[in-house]
Amino acid sequence: MKAIRPSPQNAEGNFDKFDLHILRLLLQDSRRTLNEIGAEVGLSPTTCWTRIKRLEAEGVIRRYTIDLDKTRLGYHDSVIVQVTLTSHTDKTLQEFGRVLATIPEVVEAYLVSGDYDYYIRIAVRDTRDYERLLREKLYKIPGIRHSKSSFVLRVLKEAGDGFV
């Protein structure tokens, strides 16, 4: 079997309308069959498969996953936590990131510029669950100088809604 190598023509952001259409369809439902994708895009299933494999090899498609409804699992609230650390050494930033990655309720975490060092999105069952998470997990991470929390009132757009 021939190895699929990244194409030099597809330098960063250089994809044609077929690639972008395939990506939009996979964002909507990554379980679509190649026949369904081909019919929608106007290409043969084999051509679609080749393009998808190339997009995977180039790192555009990084993984396939599922979209869980957190409320059906009992996580009714999301909280955005802004955190400032006492130190900004590489060791402190790496350790903070490592510990955050071990907390299952942390859905997303970003090291940012500006007034705060991190924006963290956390899924919780309710305010009592959030208070428990702060006491038992977040505030036990060494180096937090300040934090500010905001409960999400309504989600207008989430990751995975696509931008392609």
Protein backbone atom coordinates (compact mmCIF):
# COMPACT_ATOMS: atom_id res chain seq x y z
CA MET A 1 0.00 0.00 0.00
CA LYS A 2 1.31 3.43 -0.93
CA ALA A 3 2.00 5.81 1.98
CA ILE A 4 0.09 9.08 1.88
CA ARG A 5 2.46 11.98 2.37
CA PRO A 6 1.59 15.60 3.06
CA SER A 7 1.23 17.55 -0.16
CA PRO A 8 3.53 20.57 -0.53
CA GLN A 9 0.71 22.41 -2.32
CA ASN A 10 -1.35 22.32 0.88
CA ALA A 11 0.77 24.68 2.85
CA GLU A 12 -1.05 26.16 5.79
CA GLY A 13 -4.60 27.14 4.83
CA ASN A 14 -4.32 26.19 1.14
CA PHE A 15 -7.26 23.82 0.62
CA ASP A 16 -9.74 23.65 -2.23
CA LYS A 17 -13.55 23.76 -2.06
CA PHE A 18 -13.79 19.96 -1.99
CA ASP A 19 -11.46 19.67 1.03
CA LEU A 20 -13.41 22.36 2.89
CA HIS A 21 -16.77 20.77 2.03
CA ILE A 22 -15.55 17.36 3.25
CA LEU A 23 -14.33 18.96 6.51
CA ARG A 24 -17.69 20.70 7.04
CA LEU A 25 -19.53 17.41 6.57
CA LEU A 26 -17.20 15.57 8.97
CA LEU A 27 -17.63 18.32 11.57
CA GLN A 28 -21.40 17.84 11.38
CA ASP A 29 -21.17 14.05 11.59
CA SER A 30 -17.90 12.16 11.39
CA ARG A 31 -19.77 8.85 11.05
CA ARG A 32 -21.01 9.62 7.54
CA THR A 33 -20.13 6.95 5.02
CA LEU A 34 -17.80 7.67 2.11
CA ASN A 35 -20.79 7.15 -0.21
CA GLU A 36 -22.75 9.85 1.63
CA ILE A 37 -19.82 12.27 1.65
CA GLY A 38 -19.08 11.64 -2.03
CA ALA A 39 -22.71 12.20 -3.05
CA GLU A 40 -22.88 15.46 -1.08
CA VAL A 41 -19.52 16.80 -2.30
CA GLY A 42 -19.78 15.56 -5.88
CA LEU A 43 -16.77 13.25 -5.83
CA SER A 44 -16.40 9.48 -5.87
CA PRO A 45 -16.14 7.69 -2.50
CA THR A 46 -12.57 6.64 -3.40
CA THR A 47 -11.54 10.24 -4.12
CA CYS A 48 -13.12 11.35 -0.83
CA TRP A 49 -11.27 8.62 1.05
CA THR A 50 -7.96 9.73 -0.52
CA ARG A 51 -8.63 13.35 0.42
CA ILE A 52 -9.61 12.41 4.00
CA LYS A 53 -6.46 10.29 4.39
CA ARG A 54 -4.36 13.20 3.08
CA LEU A 55 -6.05 15.63 5.53
CA GLU A 56 -5.28 13.17 8.34
CA ALA A 57 -1.64 12.80 7.23
CA GLU A 58 -1.26 16.59 7.06
CA GLY A 59 -2.61 16.91 10.60
CA VAL A 60 -5.70 18.88 9.59
CA ILE A 61 -7.93 16.09 10.90
CA ARG A 62 -6.41 15.28 14.27
CA ARG A 63 -8.99 12.88 15.70
CA TYR A 64 -12.55 11.65 15.55
CA THR A 65 -14.66 12.04 18.65
CA ILE A 66 -18.19 12.21 20.00
CA ASP A 67 -20.18 15.19 21.23
CA LEU A 68 -21.69 14.48 24.64
CA ASP A 69 -24.68 16.31 26.05
CA LYS A 70 -23.23 17.31 29.43
CA THR A 71 -26.65 18.19 30.87
CA ARG A 72 -27.90 14.63 30.31
CA LEU A 73 -24.87 13.47 32.31
CA GLY A 74 -25.82 15.81 35.16
CA TYR A 75 -23.40 18.68 34.39
CA HIS A 76 -25.87 21.55 34.11
CA ASP A 77 -23.48 24.47 34.54
CA SER A 78 -20.33 25.74 32.90
CA VAL A 79 -17.99 28.16 34.62
CA ILE A 80 -15.29 30.30 33.04
CA VAL A 81 -12.46 30.76 35.53
CA GLN A 82 -9.80 33.38 34.98
CA VAL A 83 -6.61 32.61 36.89
CA THR A 84 -3.50 34.63 37.66
CA LEU A 85 -0.41 32.80 38.91
CA THR A 86 2.15 34.09 41.39
CA SER A 87 5.04 33.14 39.10
CA HIS A 88 5.48 32.85 35.35
CA THR A 89 8.48 30.57 35.11
CA ASP A 90 8.39 27.75 32.58
CA LYS A 91 8.32 25.25 35.44
CA THR A 92 5.31 26.94 37.11
CA LEU A 93 3.35 27.18 33.84
CA GLN A 94 4.11 23.57 32.91
CA GLU A 95 3.16 22.25 36.34
CA PHE A 96 -0.07 24.24 36.42
CA GLY A 97 -0.99 22.91 32.97
CA ARG A 98 -0.08 19.36 33.94
CA VAL A 99 -2.32 19.44 37.03
CA LEU A 100 -5.22 21.03 35.12
CA ALA A 101 -5.07 18.17 32.62
CA THR A 102 -5.77 15.69 35.45
CA ILE A 103 -9.04 17.38 36.51
CA PRO A 104 -11.90 15.77 34.55
CA GLU A 105 -14.25 18.74 35.05
CA VAL A 106 -11.81 21.01 33.17
CA VAL A 107 -13.21 21.04 29.65
CA GLU A 108 -10.84 23.60 28.14
CA ALA A 109 -7.87 25.60 29.38
CA TYR A 110 -5.96 28.36 27.65
CA LEU A 111 -2.75 30.19 28.55
CA VAL A 112 -3.57 33.76 27.50
CA SER A 113 -2.11 37.23 27.34
CA GLY A 114 -3.65 40.13 29.24
CA ASP A 115 -4.76 40.62 32.83
CA TYR A 116 -5.07 36.90 33.58
CA ASP A 117 -2.78 33.99 32.81
CA TYR A 118 -5.38 31.30 32.12
CA TYR A 119 -8.97 31.01 30.97
CA ILE A 120 -10.44 27.71 32.09
CA ARG A 121 -13.88 26.32 31.23
CA ILE A 122 -15.20 23.90 33.82
CA ALA A 123 -18.32 21.69 33.70
CA VAL A 124 -20.11 21.28 37.05
CA ARG A 125 -23.41 19.91 38.29
CA ASP A 126 -24.36 23.06 40.22
CA THR A 127 -22.91 25.82 42.42
CA ARG A 128 -22.29 23.42 45.29
CA ASP A 129 -20.34 21.12 42.98
CA TYR A 130 -18.31 24.12 41.80
CA GLU A 131 -17.49 25.11 45.37
CA ARG A 132 -16.32 21.54 46.03
CA LEU A 133 -14.15 21.59 42.91
CA LEU A 134 -12.54 24.88 43.98
CA ARG A 135 -11.75 23.65 47.50
CA GLU A 136 -10.71 20.09 46.67
CA LYS A 137 -8.93 20.54 43.35
CA LEU A 138 -8.35 23.98 41.87
CA TYR A 139 -7.19 25.84 44.98
CA LYS A 140 -4.87 22.98 45.90
CA ILE A 141 -2.74 23.73 42.84
CA PRO A 142 0.27 25.68 44.09
CA GLY A 143 0.91 29.14 42.67
CA ILE A 144 -2.58 30.60 42.17
CA ARG A 145 -2.54 34.27 43.16
CA HIS A 146 -6.03 35.28 42.05
CA SER A 147 -9.07 33.83 40.31
CA LYS A 148 -12.35 35.18 39.02
CA SER A 149 -15.32 32.98 38.13
CA SER A 150 -18.24 33.60 35.79
CA PHE A 151 -21.13 31.17 35.33
CA VAL A 152 -22.21 30.70 31.72
CA LEU A 153 -25.83 31.76 31.32
CA ARG A 154 -26.34 30.60 27.74
CA VAL A 155 -24.11 29.00 25.10
CA LEU A 156 -24.29 30.85 21.80
CA LYS A 157 -21.68 28.83 19.93
CA GLU A 158 -19.43 25.95 20.98
CA ALA A 159 -16.26 24.43 19.65
CA GLY A 160 -17.12 21.89 17.01
CA ASP A 161 -19.82 24.10 15.50
CA GLY A 162 -17.32 24.56 12.71
CA PHE A 163 -15.56 27.43 11.04
CA VAL A 164 -14.69 25.78 7.76
